[in-house]
Amino acid sequence: MTKYMHTHEVAFRKARDLAEAARPPITDHEFWNNDYTDDMIAIIRDPSFMSAPTFFTTALTDEDRDFCERFLLRCRENDIADRAVRARLQAA
């Protein structure tokens, strides 16, 4: 089982930066509510993304890419659940 490492953190940050550059938010609402998960997964799945090690990170393996995808999908599930709870509390 893969453990969360600094390399994964860097991969998420780089993927998010690339996703935002490709589809930049226009308004504050878009900034806070854009779901870049699918974009980030596509970027991380690209074999050329982080394929070479750097001084601080290792190259992403297929196992790392799978871990990153599962992590991003789980984060999106949690975000959807949090938004539902907030909407329910605001409606009450």
C-alpha atoms as a PDB file:
ATOM      1  CA  MET A   1       0.000   0.000   0.000  1.00  0.00           C
ATOM      2  CA  THR A   2       1.305   3.407  -0.941  1.00  0.00           C
ATOM      3  CA  LYS A   3       1.802   5.967   1.813  1.00  0.00           C
ATOM      4  CA  TYR A   4       1.184   9.662   1.310  1.00  0.00           C
ATOM      5  CA  MET A   5       4.566  11.241   0.583  1.00  0.00           C
ATOM      6  CA  HIS A   6       5.976  14.640  -0.274  1.00  0.00           C
ATOM      7  CA  THR A   7       6.071  13.531  -3.923  1.00  0.00           C
ATOM      8  CA  HIS A   8       2.281  13.150  -3.903  1.00  0.00           C
ATOM      9  CA  GLU A   9       1.856  16.590  -2.375  1.00  0.00           C
ATOM     10  CA  VAL A  10       4.012  18.097  -5.110  1.00  0.00           C
ATOM     11  CA  ALA A  11       2.080  16.157  -7.767  1.00  0.00           C
ATOM     12  CA  PHE A  12      -1.243  17.502  -6.458  1.00  0.00           C
ATOM     13  CA  ARG A  13       0.072  21.067  -6.353  1.00  0.00           C
ATOM     14  CA  LYS A  14       1.544  20.890  -9.853  1.00  0.00           C
ATOM     15  CA  ALA A  15      -1.578  19.233 -11.271  1.00  0.00           C
ATOM     16  CA  ARG A  16      -3.805  21.859  -9.638  1.00  0.00           C
ATOM     17  CA  ASP A  17      -1.637  24.671 -11.025  1.00  0.00           C
ATOM     18  CA  LEU A  18      -1.786  23.175 -14.520  1.00  0.00           C
ATOM     19  CA  ALA A  19      -5.560  22.639 -14.278  1.00  0.00           C
ATOM     20  CA  GLU A  20      -6.145  26.218 -13.112  1.00  0.00           C
ATOM     21  CA  ALA A  21      -3.924  27.566 -15.890  1.00  0.00           C
ATOM     22  CA  ALA A  22      -5.907  25.592 -18.463  1.00  0.00           C
ATOM     23  CA  ARG A  23      -9.282  26.670 -17.029  1.00  0.00           C
ATOM     24  CA  PRO A  24      -8.755  29.753 -14.855  1.00  0.00           C
ATOM     25  CA  PRO A  25     -11.500  30.866 -12.443  1.00  0.00           C
ATOM     26  CA  ILE A  26     -13.166  34.150 -13.390  1.00  0.00           C
ATOM     27  CA  THR A  27     -15.124  34.937 -10.228  1.00  0.00           C
ATOM     28  CA  ASP A  28     -14.647  34.243  -6.530  1.00  0.00           C
ATOM     29  CA  HIS A  29     -17.460  31.669  -6.707  1.00  0.00           C
ATOM     30  CA  GLU A  30     -15.647  29.808  -9.488  1.00  0.00           C
ATOM     31  CA  PHE A  31     -12.377  29.995  -7.550  1.00  0.00           C
ATOM     32  CA  TRP A  32     -13.890  28.313  -4.505  1.00  0.00           C
ATOM     33  CA  ASN A  33     -16.302  25.967  -6.301  1.00  0.00           C
ATOM     34  CA  ASN A  34     -14.502  24.794  -9.452  1.00  0.00           C
ATOM     35  CA  ASP A  35     -13.966  21.066  -9.371  1.00  0.00           C
ATOM     36  CA  TYR A  36     -10.628  20.394 -11.014  1.00  0.00           C
ATOM     37  CA  THR A  37     -10.596  16.739  -9.929  1.00  0.00           C
ATOM     38  CA  ASP A  38     -11.105  15.272 -13.396  1.00  0.00           C
ATOM     39  CA  ASP A  39      -8.549  17.663 -14.887  1.00  0.00           C
ATOM     40  CA  MET A  40      -6.022  16.817 -12.183  1.00  0.00           C
ATOM     41  CA  ILE A  41      -6.547  13.070 -12.651  1.00  0.00           C
ATOM     42  CA  ALA A  42      -5.975  13.423 -16.393  1.00  0.00           C
ATOM     43  CA  ILE A  43      -2.783  15.397 -15.750  1.00  0.00           C
ATOM     44  CA  ILE A  44      -1.476  12.915 -13.171  1.00  0.00           C
ATOM     45  CA  ARG A  45      -2.344   9.972 -15.455  1.00  0.00           C
ATOM     46  CA  ASP A  46      -0.240  11.502 -18.257  1.00  0.00           C
ATOM     47  CA  PRO A  47       2.933   9.358 -18.400  1.00  0.00           C
ATOM     48  CA  SER A  48       5.115  12.422 -19.019  1.00  0.00           C
ATOM     49  CA  PHE A  49       3.904  14.158 -15.823  1.00  0.00           C
ATOM     50  CA  MET A  50       6.594  13.914 -13.117  1.00  0.00           C
ATOM     51  CA  SER A  51       8.271  11.036 -14.923  1.00  0.00           C
ATOM     52  CA  ALA A  52      11.760  12.053 -13.813  1.00  0.00           C
ATOM     53  CA  PRO A  53      12.962  12.409 -10.225  1.00  0.00           C
ATOM     54  CA  THR A  54      14.063  15.787  -8.881  1.00  0.00           C
ATOM     55  CA  PHE A  55      16.163  16.699  -5.883  1.00  0.00           C
ATOM     56  CA  PHE A  56      13.134  16.642  -3.538  1.00  0.00           C
ATOM     57  CA  THR A  57      10.772  14.195  -5.266  1.00  0.00           C
ATOM     58  CA  THR A  58      10.783  10.776  -6.877  1.00  0.00           C
ATOM     59  CA  ALA A  59       9.272   9.944 -10.244  1.00  0.00           C
ATOM     60  CA  LEU A  60       5.626   8.888 -10.071  1.00  0.00           C
ATOM     61  CA  THR A  61       5.092   5.167 -10.537  1.00  0.00           C
ATOM     62  CA  ASP A  62       1.842   3.578 -11.702  1.00  0.00           C
ATOM     63  CA  GLU A  63       1.092   2.748  -8.073  1.00  0.00           C
ATOM     64  CA  ASP A  64       1.612   6.416  -7.142  1.00  0.00           C
ATOM     65  CA  ARG A  65      -0.692   7.523  -9.956  1.00  0.00           C
ATOM     66  CA  ASP A  66      -3.383   5.092  -8.748  1.00  0.00           C
ATOM     67  CA  PHE A  67      -2.969   6.370  -5.192  1.00  0.00           C
ATOM     68  CA  CYS A  68      -3.294   9.988  -6.366  1.00  0.00           C
ATOM     69  CA  GLU A  69      -6.442   9.196  -8.332  1.00  0.00           C
ATOM     70  CA  ARG A  70      -8.079   7.424  -5.381  1.00  0.00           C
ATOM     71  CA  PHE A  71      -7.071  10.279  -3.071  1.00  0.00           C
ATOM     72  CA  LEU A  72      -8.540  12.947  -5.384  1.00  0.00           C
ATOM     73  CA  LEU A  73     -11.794  11.040  -5.842  1.00  0.00           C
ATOM     74  CA  ARG A  74     -12.136  10.575  -2.070  1.00  0.00           C
ATOM     75  CA  CYS A  75     -11.504  14.296  -1.532  1.00  0.00           C
ATOM     76  CA  ARG A  76     -14.252  15.120  -4.020  1.00  0.00           C
ATOM     77  CA  GLU A  77     -16.665  12.774  -2.212  1.00  0.00           C
ATOM     78  CA  ASN A  78     -15.876  14.498   1.088  1.00  0.00           C
ATOM     79  CA  ASP A  79     -16.312  17.940  -0.484  1.00  0.00           C
ATOM     80  CA  ILE A  80     -19.718  16.980  -1.910  1.00  0.00           C
ATOM     81  CA  ALA A  81     -20.812  15.664   1.498  1.00  0.00           C
ATOM     82  CA  ASP A  82     -19.578  18.836   3.241  1.00  0.00           C
ATOM     83  CA  ARG A  83     -21.451  21.063   0.779  1.00  0.00           C
ATOM     84  CA  ALA A  84     -24.640  19.045   1.299  1.00  0.00           C
ATOM     85  CA  VAL A  85     -24.384  19.456   5.077  1.00  0.00           C
ATOM     86  CA  ARG A  86     -23.731  23.199   4.757  1.00  0.00           C
ATOM     87  CA  ALA A  87     -26.701  23.604   2.397  1.00  0.00           C
ATOM     88  CA  ARG A  88     -28.933  21.658   4.783  1.00  0.00           C
ATOM     89  CA  LEU A  89     -27.818  23.807   7.733  1.00  0.00           C
ATOM     90  CA  GLN A  90     -28.409  27.030   5.811  1.00  0.00           C
ATOM     91  CA  ALA A  91     -31.889  25.871   4.832  1.00  0.00           C
ATOM     92  CA  ALA A  92     -32.816  25.138   8.465  1.00  0.00           C
END
